[in-house]
Amino acid sequence: MNTMIDKILLFPYWLSLKPRHFLFDTGIRKVHTADVPTICIGNVTVGGTGKTPHTEMLIRTLLQEEEWGGKNLAVLSRGYKRKTKGFQQVTADGSALLYGDEPLQIKKKFPGITVAVDKSRTEGCDFLAHPEKLETSKKARRCINKEIPASDLIILDDAFQHRSLKATLSIVLVDYNRPIFKDHLMPLGRLRDLPERIAAADIIIVSKCPNEVNAWEKCTWAENLGIRNFDASTCSGVRKNGHRQHIFFSTIAYEPAEAIFPEGDPRYVYTKRLILFSGIANDAPLLSYLSSDYKIVRHFKFPDHHKFSRSDINTIASAAREFPTSVIMTTEKDCQRIRDCHKIKEELKQRMFYSPIKTVFLTENEKETFVKALKDGLK
């Protein structure tokens, strides 16, 4: 599409974003900081960049470091599409309806840390840093469990657009397969914020990369994102305003399939046919990965954060009857919502599995440099 036509069509959305950022950048609108260090993980696109796997990677990294491993870590999310309101502490035995699928997934993986949801990140951080306020706050009166340890560090999941709270360290994700410099603002594209906003981050991570990206391509990526003089040894470069910015490259690592329900029969994993269903922004990487070992006989793609209905389950069950020896596979995020579904027959539960994923950096140097950048940024 012609660039001039793009600008004309997208001008109304641009006009809604530009003044908002101006008000925060100039101090006209108040910006708060939390009473404890915070790390924001976000993006400028609509889903699909891998925020949850990167949040989990960040948790693992911090827990392995001596200075943070013994402290109280917390994750604060909005809890997208949850049915509850206000501040809620996530419990591992809860449901996606109460907290949202992503916070519940994180809590199940890391039961020893505090996970909470609150639409207001500023308010949520205040409760996590000072949990005694939960006892008297009317806004938290519906909190299921108010026995929360005071947090020493808070990870803010998907809070880059939450301008009223300034994080101690901010990380922005950019999808390798959908570069923001080739995308457009909504509704013509998937950008929900101005691409220039990535300049405000401390760290950029290009996610979902192939297993190998050479030095020349990394340098090209840095230049296209506005970072000059990229140094591969320090994983950083400089912007026009002199701001030094780190840029790292990560990829997806899949782990052995796990049963969604206790009834799961592991023998189905060794079949050669597979029924795939998902409700995430982009399941192409998973489809590609599974296609190397299975023949995908059915593929059902639902909207992101989809609440599975009885009709959806019946559709999957119908495909399962058509291919009686096939395994039924979904994503780790989707399985949190599938567990909320009632009246799934036992024979279907036996065949339902999910494919866990991890995010890893492409090189050991990037991993070590990332840890150093975290330590420097949190000083």
Protein backbone atom coordinates (compact mmCIF):
# COMPACT_ATOMS: atom_id res chain seq x y z
CA MET A 1 0.00 0.00 0.00
CA ASN A 2 1.20 3.49 -0.76
CA THR A 3 2.97 5.14 2.19
CA MET A 4 0.99 8.37 1.83
CA ILE A 5 -2.30 6.43 1.86
CA ASP A 6 -1.08 4.60 4.98
CA LYS A 7 -0.50 7.89 6.76
CA ILE A 8 -3.92 9.24 5.81
CA LEU A 9 -5.81 6.12 6.88
CA LEU A 10 -3.87 5.68 10.11
CA PHE A 11 -3.79 9.33 11.13
CA PRO A 12 -6.76 9.08 13.56
CA TYR A 13 -5.06 6.28 15.53
CA TRP A 14 -1.70 8.07 15.42
CA LEU A 15 -3.45 11.19 16.73
CA SER A 16 -4.80 9.24 19.70
CA LEU A 17 -1.32 7.99 20.66
CA LYS A 18 0.98 10.94 20.01
CA PRO A 19 -0.62 13.47 22.40
CA ARG A 20 -0.89 10.84 25.14
CA HIS A 21 2.85 10.13 25.04
CA PHE A 22 3.58 13.86 24.86
CA LEU A 23 1.68 14.46 28.10
CA PHE A 24 3.67 11.78 29.93
CA ASP A 25 7.02 12.70 28.35
CA THR A 26 6.67 16.35 29.37
CA GLY A 27 5.43 15.61 32.89
CA ILE A 28 1.98 17.13 32.34
CA ARG A 29 0.53 13.77 33.30
CA LYS A 30 2.01 12.34 36.48
CA VAL A 31 4.33 9.35 36.32
CA HIS A 32 4.73 7.15 39.40
CA THR A 33 7.51 4.84 40.49
CA ALA A 34 7.09 1.82 42.75
CA ASP A 35 8.69 1.60 46.19
CA VAL A 36 10.63 -1.50 45.08
CA PRO A 37 12.57 -2.23 41.86
CA THR A 38 10.40 -3.17 38.88
CA ILE A 39 11.08 -4.78 35.50
CA CYS A 40 8.59 -4.22 32.69
CA ILE A 41 8.23 -6.73 29.85
CA GLY A 42 6.12 -5.52 26.95
CA ASN A 43 5.84 -4.82 23.24
CA VAL A 44 4.31 -2.38 20.77
CA THR A 45 2.32 -5.01 18.85
CA VAL A 46 -0.91 -6.91 19.45
CA GLY A 47 0.17 -10.21 20.98
CA GLY A 48 2.39 -12.91 19.59
CA THR A 49 5.84 -11.71 20.68
CA GLY A 50 6.24 -14.18 23.53
CA LYS A 51 5.81 -12.07 26.67
CA THR A 52 4.86 -15.00 28.93
CA PRO A 53 7.82 -17.26 27.98
CA HIS A 54 10.17 -14.30 28.40
CA THR A 55 8.63 -13.49 31.77
CA GLU A 56 9.29 -17.09 32.80
CA MET A 57 12.87 -16.88 31.50
CA LEU A 58 13.37 -13.71 33.51
CA ILE A 59 12.04 -15.41 36.66
CA ARG A 60 14.40 -18.37 36.18
CA THR A 61 17.32 -16.00 35.61
CA LEU A 62 16.61 -13.99 38.77
CA LEU A 63 16.07 -17.07 40.94
CA GLN A 64 19.48 -18.39 39.88
CA GLU A 65 21.26 -15.18 40.90
CA GLU A 66 22.53 -15.02 44.47
CA GLU A 67 21.44 -11.45 45.09
CA TRP A 68 17.82 -12.12 44.04
CA GLY A 69 17.35 -15.85 44.59
CA GLY A 70 16.59 -15.48 48.29
CA LYS A 71 14.29 -12.49 47.97
CA ASN A 72 10.55 -12.20 47.41
CA LEU A 73 9.85 -11.96 43.69
CA ALA A 74 6.44 -11.04 42.34
CA VAL A 75 4.77 -10.93 38.94
CA LEU A 76 1.99 -8.43 38.28
CA SER A 77 -0.30 -8.81 35.28
CA ARG A 78 -3.58 -7.33 34.16
CA GLY A 79 -5.17 -10.78 33.96
CA TYR A 80 -6.65 -10.45 30.51
CA LYS A 81 -10.25 -11.75 30.15
CA ARG A 82 -10.56 -12.74 33.81
CA LYS A 83 -13.97 -12.56 35.47
CA THR A 84 -12.76 -11.05 38.74
CA LYS A 85 -12.12 -7.37 39.42
CA GLY A 86 -9.57 -5.36 41.36
CA PHE A 87 -6.40 -6.79 42.91
CA GLN A 88 -6.21 -10.57 43.18
CA GLN A 89 -3.45 -12.87 44.35
CA VAL A 90 -3.18 -15.83 41.97
CA THR A 91 -3.34 -19.28 43.53
CA ALA A 92 -2.10 -22.42 41.75
CA ASP A 93 -5.40 -24.24 42.36
CA GLY A 94 -7.43 -21.40 40.85
CA SER A 95 -8.78 -21.09 37.31
CA ALA A 96 -8.13 -19.02 34.21
CA LEU A 97 -11.59 -17.50 34.69
CA LEU A 98 -10.46 -16.02 38.01
CA TYR A 99 -7.01 -14.77 36.98
CA GLY A 100 -6.46 -15.12 33.24
CA ASP A 101 -4.53 -17.92 31.54
CA GLU A 102 -1.03 -16.38 31.57
CA PRO A 103 -0.82 -15.45 35.29
CA LEU A 104 -2.16 -18.89 36.20
CA GLN A 105 0.45 -20.58 33.99
CA ILE A 106 3.25 -18.60 35.66
CA LYS A 107 1.98 -19.42 39.15
CA LYS A 108 1.79 -23.14 38.38
CA LYS A 109 5.38 -23.10 37.11
CA PHE A 110 6.74 -20.99 39.95
CA PRO A 111 4.58 -21.71 43.01
CA GLY A 112 7.14 -20.13 45.35
CA ILE A 113 6.75 -16.60 44.01
CA THR A 114 3.85 -14.17 44.34
CA VAL A 115 1.70 -13.71 41.22
CA ALA A 116 -1.03 -11.09 41.23
CA VAL A 117 -3.40 -9.38 38.81
CA ASP A 118 -4.60 -5.80 38.82
CA LYS A 119 -5.73 -3.55 35.97
CA SER A 120 -3.90 -0.67 37.66
CA ARG A 121 -0.19 -1.50 37.70
CA THR A 122 0.49 1.46 39.99
CA GLU A 123 -2.01 0.28 42.55
CA GLY A 124 -0.97 -3.36 42.16
CA CYS A 125 2.69 -2.51 42.82
CA ASP A 126 1.69 -0.58 45.93
CA PHE A 127 -0.20 -3.60 47.30
CA LEU A 128 2.69 -5.96 46.52
CA ALA A 129 5.27 -3.69 48.14
CA HIS A 130 2.98 -2.97 51.12
CA PRO A 131 0.59 -5.95 51.46
CA GLU A 132 -0.68 -4.63 54.80
CA LYS A 133 -2.69 -2.08 52.79
CA LEU A 134 -4.85 -4.92 51.47
CA GLU A 135 -6.54 -5.22 54.86
CA THR A 136 -8.01 -1.73 54.70
CA SER A 137 -8.35 -1.07 50.97
CA LYS A 138 -11.88 -1.11 49.58
CA LYS A 139 -10.49 -1.74 46.09
CA ALA A 140 -8.94 -5.01 47.26
CA ARG A 141 -11.89 -6.18 49.32
CA ARG A 142 -12.48 -9.10 46.97
CA CYS A 143 -8.90 -10.39 47.23
CA ILE A 144 -9.11 -14.12 47.94
CA ASN A 145 -5.87 -14.41 49.92
CA LYS A 146 -4.42 -11.36 51.65
CA GLU A 147 -1.47 -13.17 53.24
CA ILE A 148 1.19 -11.92 50.84
CA PRO A 149 4.88 -11.36 51.67
CA ALA A 150 6.19 -7.88 50.88
CA SER A 151 7.81 -8.02 47.45
CA ASP A 152 11.46 -7.08 46.91
CA LEU A 153 11.20 -7.03 43.11
CA ILE A 154 8.17 -6.90 40.82
CA ILE A 155 8.03 -8.08 37.20
CA LEU A 156 5.38 -6.18 35.25
CA ASP A 157 3.87 -8.36 32.53
CA ASP A 158 2.69 -6.38 29.48
CA ALA A 159 2.95 -2.93 31.06
CA PHE A 160 4.94 -0.95 28.49
CA GLN A 161 1.84 1.05 27.51
CA HIS A 162 1.00 1.70 31.17
CA ARG A 163 2.70 5.11 31.16
CA SER A 164 1.53 6.18 34.62
CA LEU A 165 4.08 3.76 36.12
CA LYS A 166 7.75 4.02 35.18
CA ALA A 167 9.66 0.77 35.60
CA THR A 168 13.19 0.61 36.93
CA LEU A 169 14.14 -1.43 33.86
CA SER A 170 12.08 -1.92 30.70
CA ILE A 171 12.30 -4.73 28.15
CA VAL A 172 10.51 -4.60 24.79
CA LEU A 173 9.99 -7.65 22.57
CA VAL A 174 9.99 -7.56 18.77
CA ASP A 175 8.90 -10.59 16.74
CA TYR A 176 11.61 -11.72 14.29
CA ASN A 177 8.92 -12.93 11.91
CA ARG A 178 6.98 -9.67 11.95
CA PRO A 179 9.44 -6.74 12.23
CA ILE A 180 7.87 -3.55 13.50
CA PHE A 181 9.69 -1.57 10.79
CA LYS A 182 7.64 -3.50 8.20
CA ASP A 183 4.35 -3.30 10.08
CA HIS A 184 1.60 -0.70 10.39
CA LEU A 185 -0.52 0.77 13.14
CA MET A 186 -3.87 -0.86 13.73
CA PRO A 187 -6.19 -1.51 11.96
CA LEU A 188 -3.98 -1.91 8.86
CA GLY A 189 -1.32 -3.73 10.85
CA ARG A 190 -0.64 -5.16 14.31
CA LEU A 191 1.10 -2.20 15.95
CA ARG A 192 -0.85 -1.01 18.99
CA ASP A 193 1.68 1.69 19.81
CA LEU A 194 4.05 3.97 17.93
CA PRO A 195 7.12 1.97 16.78
CA GLU A 196 9.34 4.85 17.89
CA ARG A 197 8.40 4.03 21.48
CA ILE A 198 10.91 1.17 21.56
CA ALA A 199 13.62 3.82 21.92
CA ALA A 200 12.42 4.35 25.50
CA ALA A 201 13.25 0.77 26.50
CA ASP A 202 16.49 -0.26 28.18
CA ILE A 203 16.57 -3.64 26.45
CA ILE A 204 15.16 -4.91 23.15
CA ILE A 205 14.79 -8.64 22.57
CA VAL A 206 14.13 -9.93 19.07
CA SER A 207 12.05 -13.01 19.81
CA LYS A 208 11.16 -16.22 17.93
CA CYS A 209 14.38 -16.19 15.93
CA PRO A 210 15.69 -19.19 14.01
CA ASN A 211 18.33 -21.12 15.95
CA GLU A 212 21.14 -19.27 14.22
CA VAL A 213 21.34 -15.57 13.33
CA ASN A 214 24.73 -14.40 12.07
CA ALA A 215 26.52 -11.23 13.18
CA TRP A 216 25.73 -9.37 9.95
CA GLU A 217 21.98 -9.99 10.36
CA LYS A 218 22.06 -8.91 14.01
CA CYS A 219 23.78 -5.69 12.99
CA THR A 220 21.15 -5.13 10.27
CA TRP A 221 18.36 -5.68 12.80
CA ALA A 222 19.93 -3.16 15.16
CA GLU A 223 20.19 -0.55 12.41
CA ASN A 224 16.57 -1.09 11.31
CA LEU A 225 15.48 -0.58 14.92
CA GLY A 226 17.40 2.70 15.14
CA ILE A 227 20.48 1.41 16.99
CA ARG A 228 23.82 2.44 15.51
CA ASN A 229 27.35 1.07 16.05
CA PHE A 230 26.07 -2.31 17.24
CA ASP A 231 28.73 -4.24 19.19
CA ALA A 232 28.09 -7.99 19.24
CA SER A 233 30.36 -8.52 22.26
CA THR A 234 28.34 -6.14 24.46
CA CYS A 235 25.04 -6.73 22.60
CA SER A 236 24.45 -2.99 22.51
CA GLY A 237 24.56 0.12 20.38
CA VAL A 238 23.73 3.81 20.55
CA ARG A 239 20.67 5.79 19.45
CA LYS A 240 20.79 9.24 17.88
CA ASN A 241 20.14 10.87 21.25
CA GLY A 242 23.12 9.07 22.79
CA HIS A 243 21.04 6.54 24.70
CA ARG A 244 22.85 3.17 24.86
CA GLN A 245 20.46 0.32 24.29
CA HIS A 246 20.95 -3.44 24.55
CA ILE A 247 19.56 -5.76 21.89
CA PHE A 248 19.40 -9.54 22.28
CA PHE A 249 18.10 -12.40 20.14
CA SER A 250 16.06 -15.29 21.54
CA THR A 251 14.43 -18.42 20.19
CA ILE A 252 11.80 -20.96 21.25
CA ALA A 253 12.84 -24.32 22.69
CA TYR A 254 10.11 -26.96 22.88
CA GLU A 255 10.03 -29.53 25.66
CA PRO A 256 8.39 -33.01 25.79
CA ALA A 257 4.59 -33.01 25.68
CA GLU A 258 2.72 -33.18 28.98
CA ALA A 259 -0.81 -34.34 29.76
CA ILE A 260 -3.41 -31.65 30.39
CA PHE A 261 -5.42 -33.87 32.73
CA PRO A 262 -4.37 -36.60 35.21
CA GLU A 263 -6.18 -39.10 32.97
CA GLY A 264 -3.70 -38.46 30.14
CA ASP A 265 -2.35 -41.65 28.55
CA PRO A 266 1.30 -41.06 27.45
CA ARG A 267 1.04 -43.79 24.82
CA TYR A 268 -0.87 -41.37 22.59
CA VAL A 269 2.21 -39.14 22.33
CA TYR A 270 3.91 -41.84 20.24
CA THR A 271 1.25 -41.98 17.57
CA LYS A 272 1.96 -40.48 14.15
CA ARG A 273 -1.24 -38.48 13.77
CA LEU A 274 -2.10 -35.29 15.60
CA ILE A 275 -5.06 -32.96 16.07
CA LEU A 276 -3.91 -29.43 16.90
CA PHE A 277 -6.05 -26.69 18.40
CA SER A 278 -4.96 -23.31 19.74
CA GLY A 279 -6.23 -19.96 20.93
CA ILE A 280 -3.06 -17.85 20.73
CA ALA A 281 -2.01 -14.98 18.48
CA ASN A 282 0.35 -17.09 16.35
CA ASP A 283 0.66 -20.86 16.48
CA ALA A 284 2.79 -21.15 13.31
CA PRO A 285 6.02 -22.01 15.22
CA LEU A 286 4.25 -24.79 17.11
CA LEU A 287 2.66 -26.09 13.91
CA SER A 288 6.06 -26.19 12.23
CA TYR A 289 7.64 -27.97 15.19
CA LEU A 290 4.93 -30.63 15.46
CA SER A 291 4.85 -31.22 11.70
CA SER A 292 8.35 -32.69 11.86
CA ASP A 293 7.11 -35.63 13.97
CA TYR A 294 3.40 -35.86 13.22
CA LYS A 295 0.94 -35.73 10.38
CA ILE A 296 -1.46 -32.91 11.32
CA VAL A 297 -4.84 -34.37 10.43
CA ARG A 298 -6.89 -31.49 11.86
CA HIS A 299 -5.96 -27.94 12.85
CA PHE A 300 -8.44 -25.75 14.76
CA LYS A 301 -7.37 -22.14 15.25
CA PHE A 302 -9.35 -19.97 17.68
CA PRO A 303 -8.88 -16.28 18.61
CA ASP A 304 -6.23 -15.29 21.16
CA HIS A 305 -7.29 -15.98 24.80
CA HIS A 306 -10.34 -17.82 23.48
CA LYS A 307 -12.76 -19.20 26.05
CA PHE A 308 -13.48 -22.72 24.88
CA SER A 309 -17.19 -23.52 24.67
CA ARG A 310 -19.02 -26.83 24.75
CA SER A 311 -19.40 -26.49 20.99
CA ASP A 312 -15.63 -26.15 20.59
CA ILE A 313 -15.05 -29.27 22.67
CA ASN A 314 -17.63 -31.14 20.60
CA THR A 315 -15.80 -30.10 17.42
CA ILE A 316 -12.51 -31.42 18.79
CA ALA A 317 -14.23 -34.60 20.00
CA SER A 318 -15.73 -35.15 16.55
CA ALA A 319 -12.26 -34.97 14.99
CA ALA A 320 -10.97 -37.35 17.67
CA ARG A 321 -13.64 -39.89 16.69
CA GLU A 322 -12.69 -39.52 13.03
CA PHE A 323 -9.03 -40.22 13.87
CA PRO A 324 -9.26 -42.57 16.87
CA THR A 325 -5.51 -43.13 17.33
CA SER A 326 -4.45 -39.48 17.05
CA VAL A 327 -3.06 -37.43 19.91
CA ILE A 328 -4.73 -34.06 20.64
CA MET A 329 -2.25 -31.26 21.21
CA THR A 330 -2.50 -27.61 22.24
CA THR A 331 -0.33 -24.85 23.70
CA GLU A 332 0.68 -24.42 27.31
CA LYS A 333 -1.38 -21.25 27.58
CA ASP A 334 -4.48 -22.86 26.09
CA CYS A 335 -4.40 -25.79 28.48
CA GLN A 336 -5.06 -23.39 31.40
CA ARG A 337 -8.44 -22.53 29.82
CA ILE A 338 -9.22 -26.07 28.72
CA ARG A 339 -9.03 -27.15 32.37
CA ASP A 340 -11.91 -24.74 33.08
CA CYS A 341 -14.15 -26.65 30.68
CA HIS A 342 -16.68 -28.98 32.26
CA LYS A 343 -18.01 -32.31 31.06
CA ILE A 344 -15.04 -33.30 28.91
CA LYS A 345 -15.32 -37.06 28.57
CA GLU A 346 -12.58 -39.20 30.05
CA GLU A 347 -11.68 -40.81 26.73
CA LEU A 348 -10.99 -37.32 25.34
CA LYS A 349 -8.97 -36.28 28.40
CA GLN A 350 -6.75 -39.33 27.90
CA ARG A 351 -5.62 -37.96 24.53
CA MET A 352 -5.18 -34.26 25.37
CA PHE A 353 -1.63 -32.94 25.77
CA TYR A 354 0.19 -29.62 25.58
CA SER A 355 3.63 -28.67 24.34
CA PRO A 356 5.64 -26.69 26.93
CA ILE A 357 8.07 -24.05 25.64
CA LYS A 358 11.05 -22.16 26.94
CA THR A 359 12.71 -19.03 25.65
CA VAL A 360 16.50 -19.15 25.37
CA PHE A 361 19.10 -16.75 24.01
CA LEU A 362 20.91 -17.73 20.83
CA THR A 363 24.38 -17.58 22.38
CA GLU A 364 25.96 -18.00 25.80
CA ASN A 365 27.43 -14.50 25.49
CA GLU A 366 23.96 -13.02 25.10
CA LYS A 367 22.76 -14.89 28.18
CA GLU A 368 25.68 -13.65 30.30
CA THR A 369 25.41 -10.10 28.96
CA PHE A 370 21.67 -10.08 29.66
CA VAL A 371 22.31 -11.01 33.31
CA LYS A 372 24.86 -8.21 33.59
CA ALA A 373 22.42 -5.73 32.02
CA LEU A 374 19.79 -6.74 34.57
CA LYS A 375 22.19 -6.23 37.47
CA ASP A 376 23.35 -2.85 36.15
CA GLY A 377 19.80 -1.70 35.48
CA LEU A 378 18.55 -2.66 38.95
CA LYS A 379 21.34 -0.97 40.90
